[in-house]
């Protein structure tokens, strides 16, 4: 009988589910610094609601949940709700300021529609090839 040889290959890094622009990362750092307690990161998700069917969510994260997707980008920790990962893969989060408003903008390749006011969207989850 021969002995099996096993080799451990290093895993290649997975692409980040979401990325931040420099402006978005700077704004998240500002928000986190003004928090009323130390938080581990910013929780990003998707919930049902609005006239287009879904809305993006942001919340302070007090702890990392066991199934969270943890993304470190530009010095910011983003925690993605496991139910939202397939809806957010490939998304770039930006922060834009205009004369009338300042807001986070999700540039999501999985988004297929948005309502007229821009508060809700329709997102199709990523499908396996």
Protein backbone atom coordinates (compact mmCIF):
# COMPACT_ATOMS: atom_id res chain seq x y z
CA UNK A 1 0.00 0.00 0.00
CA UNK A 2 1.27 3.44 -0.81
CA UNK A 3 0.87 6.43 1.42
CA UNK A 4 -1.01 9.38 0.07
CA UNK A 5 0.86 12.62 -0.01
CA UNK A 6 -1.15 15.74 0.59
CA UNK A 7 -0.04 19.20 -0.21
CA UNK A 8 -1.53 22.35 1.09
CA UNK A 9 -1.81 25.03 -1.52
CA UNK A 10 -2.31 28.58 -0.42
CA UNK A 11 -5.78 29.81 -1.26
CA UNK A 12 -5.97 32.68 -3.64
CA UNK A 13 -7.64 35.73 -2.16
CA UNK A 14 -11.34 36.04 -2.81
CA UNK A 15 -12.54 39.23 -4.43
CA UNK A 16 -14.24 41.62 -2.03
CA UNK A 17 -18.03 41.48 -2.12
CA UNK A 18 -18.17 45.29 -1.95
CA UNK A 19 -15.61 48.05 -2.31
CA UNK A 20 -15.55 51.66 -1.18
CA UNK A 21 -14.44 54.74 -3.03
CA UNK A 22 -12.00 56.99 -1.20
CA UNK A 23 -14.84 59.46 -0.47
CA UNK A 24 -17.06 56.73 0.98
CA UNK A 25 -14.27 55.34 3.15
CA UNK A 26 -13.47 58.81 4.47
CA UNK A 27 -17.12 59.47 5.30
CA UNK A 28 -17.53 56.10 7.04
CA UNK A 29 -14.43 56.81 9.14
CA UNK A 30 -15.91 60.21 10.11
CA UNK A 31 -19.25 58.63 11.07
CA UNK A 32 -17.59 55.86 13.06
CA UNK A 33 -15.41 58.36 14.94
CA UNK A 34 -18.53 60.26 16.03
CA UNK A 35 -20.31 57.12 17.26
CA UNK A 36 -21.45 57.09 20.88
CA UNK A 37 -19.42 53.93 21.54
CA UNK A 38 -16.71 51.96 19.77
CA UNK A 39 -18.18 49.86 16.97
CA UNK A 40 -16.50 47.02 15.09
CA UNK A 41 -17.71 48.27 11.73
CA UNK A 42 -20.57 49.33 9.55
CA UNK A 43 -23.26 46.75 8.75
CA UNK A 44 -24.60 46.88 5.19
CA UNK A 45 -27.65 44.97 4.02
CA UNK A 46 -30.72 44.86 1.85
CA UNK A 47 -34.30 44.75 3.10
CA UNK A 48 -37.67 44.45 1.43
CA UNK A 49 -39.46 47.77 1.11
CA UNK A 50 -40.10 50.84 -0.97
CA UNK A 51 -41.92 51.10 -4.25
CA UNK A 52 -39.21 49.25 -6.23
CA UNK A 53 -39.12 46.36 -3.76
CA UNK A 54 -35.82 46.64 -1.85
CA UNK A 55 -33.78 49.17 0.10
CA UNK A 56 -30.14 49.32 1.11
CA UNK A 57 -29.50 49.46 4.87
CA UNK A 58 -26.67 50.87 7.00
CA UNK A 59 -26.22 50.39 10.75
CA UNK A 60 -23.47 50.50 13.34
CA UNK A 61 -22.19 46.99 14.10
CA UNK A 62 -21.43 46.22 17.74
CA UNK A 63 -20.11 42.73 16.98
CA UNK A 64 -19.31 40.43 14.10
CA UNK A 65 -22.01 37.80 13.71
CA UNK A 66 -20.88 34.24 12.85
CA UNK A 67 -22.11 34.31 9.22
CA UNK A 68 -21.25 37.93 8.39
CA UNK A 69 -19.15 38.58 5.31
CA UNK A 70 -16.34 40.80 6.61
CA UNK A 71 -14.82 43.22 4.12
CA UNK A 72 -11.81 45.39 4.97
CA UNK A 73 -11.33 48.19 2.46
CA UNK A 74 -9.38 51.44 2.78
CA UNK A 75 -9.21 51.18 6.57
CA UNK A 76 -12.95 50.54 6.97
CA UNK A 77 -14.64 47.36 8.17
CA UNK A 78 -17.88 46.53 6.38
CA UNK A 79 -20.03 43.67 7.66
CA UNK A 80 -22.52 42.26 5.18
CA UNK A 81 -25.62 40.46 6.38
CA UNK A 82 -25.39 36.90 4.98
CA UNK A 83 -28.85 37.25 3.37
CA UNK A 84 -27.61 40.28 1.40
CA UNK A 85 -24.28 38.98 0.05
CA UNK A 86 -25.64 37.66 -3.27
CA UNK A 87 -27.44 40.97 -3.85
CA UNK A 88 -24.32 43.06 -3.19
CA UNK A 89 -21.49 41.17 -4.93
CA UNK A 90 -19.56 43.58 -7.13
CA UNK A 91 -21.04 46.73 -5.57
CA UNK A 92 -19.00 49.88 -5.19
CA UNK A 93 -20.20 52.19 -2.42
CA UNK A 94 -19.57 55.88 -3.07
CA UNK A 95 -20.39 59.06 -1.16
CA UNK A 96 -21.49 62.06 -3.15
CA UNK A 97 -22.26 65.62 -2.20
CA UNK A 98 -24.35 67.90 -4.38
CA UNK A 99 -25.73 71.35 -3.73
CA UNK A 100 -28.90 69.82 -2.31
CA UNK A 101 -27.82 66.61 -0.58
CA UNK A 102 -25.09 64.31 0.64
CA UNK A 103 -25.61 60.57 0.44
CA UNK A 104 -24.08 57.15 -0.01
CA UNK A 105 -24.58 55.78 -3.51
CA UNK A 106 -24.52 52.08 -4.36
CA UNK A 107 -23.12 51.33 -7.82
CA UNK A 108 -24.48 47.80 -7.97
CA UNK A 109 -24.19 45.71 -11.16
CA UNK A 110 -27.03 43.50 -9.86
CA UNK A 111 -29.48 46.39 -9.61
CA UNK A 112 -32.04 46.25 -12.41
CA UNK A 113 -34.37 49.12 -11.51
CA UNK A 114 -34.89 52.01 -9.10
CA UNK A 115 -37.85 54.10 -8.08
CA UNK A 116 -38.12 57.72 -9.17
CA UNK A 117 -37.13 59.16 -5.77
CA UNK A 118 -34.05 56.93 -5.56
CA UNK A 119 -34.92 55.45 -2.16
CA UNK A 120 -35.63 51.88 -3.30
CA UNK A 121 -34.28 49.52 -5.93
CA UNK A 122 -34.81 46.18 -7.57
CA UNK A 123 -31.84 43.82 -7.25
CA UNK A 124 -31.40 40.40 -8.80
CA UNK A 125 -29.09 38.09 -6.82
CA UNK A 126 -25.90 36.85 -8.49
CA UNK A 127 -26.32 33.47 -10.15
CA UNK A 128 -23.63 30.79 -10.25
CA UNK A 129 -22.12 30.29 -13.72
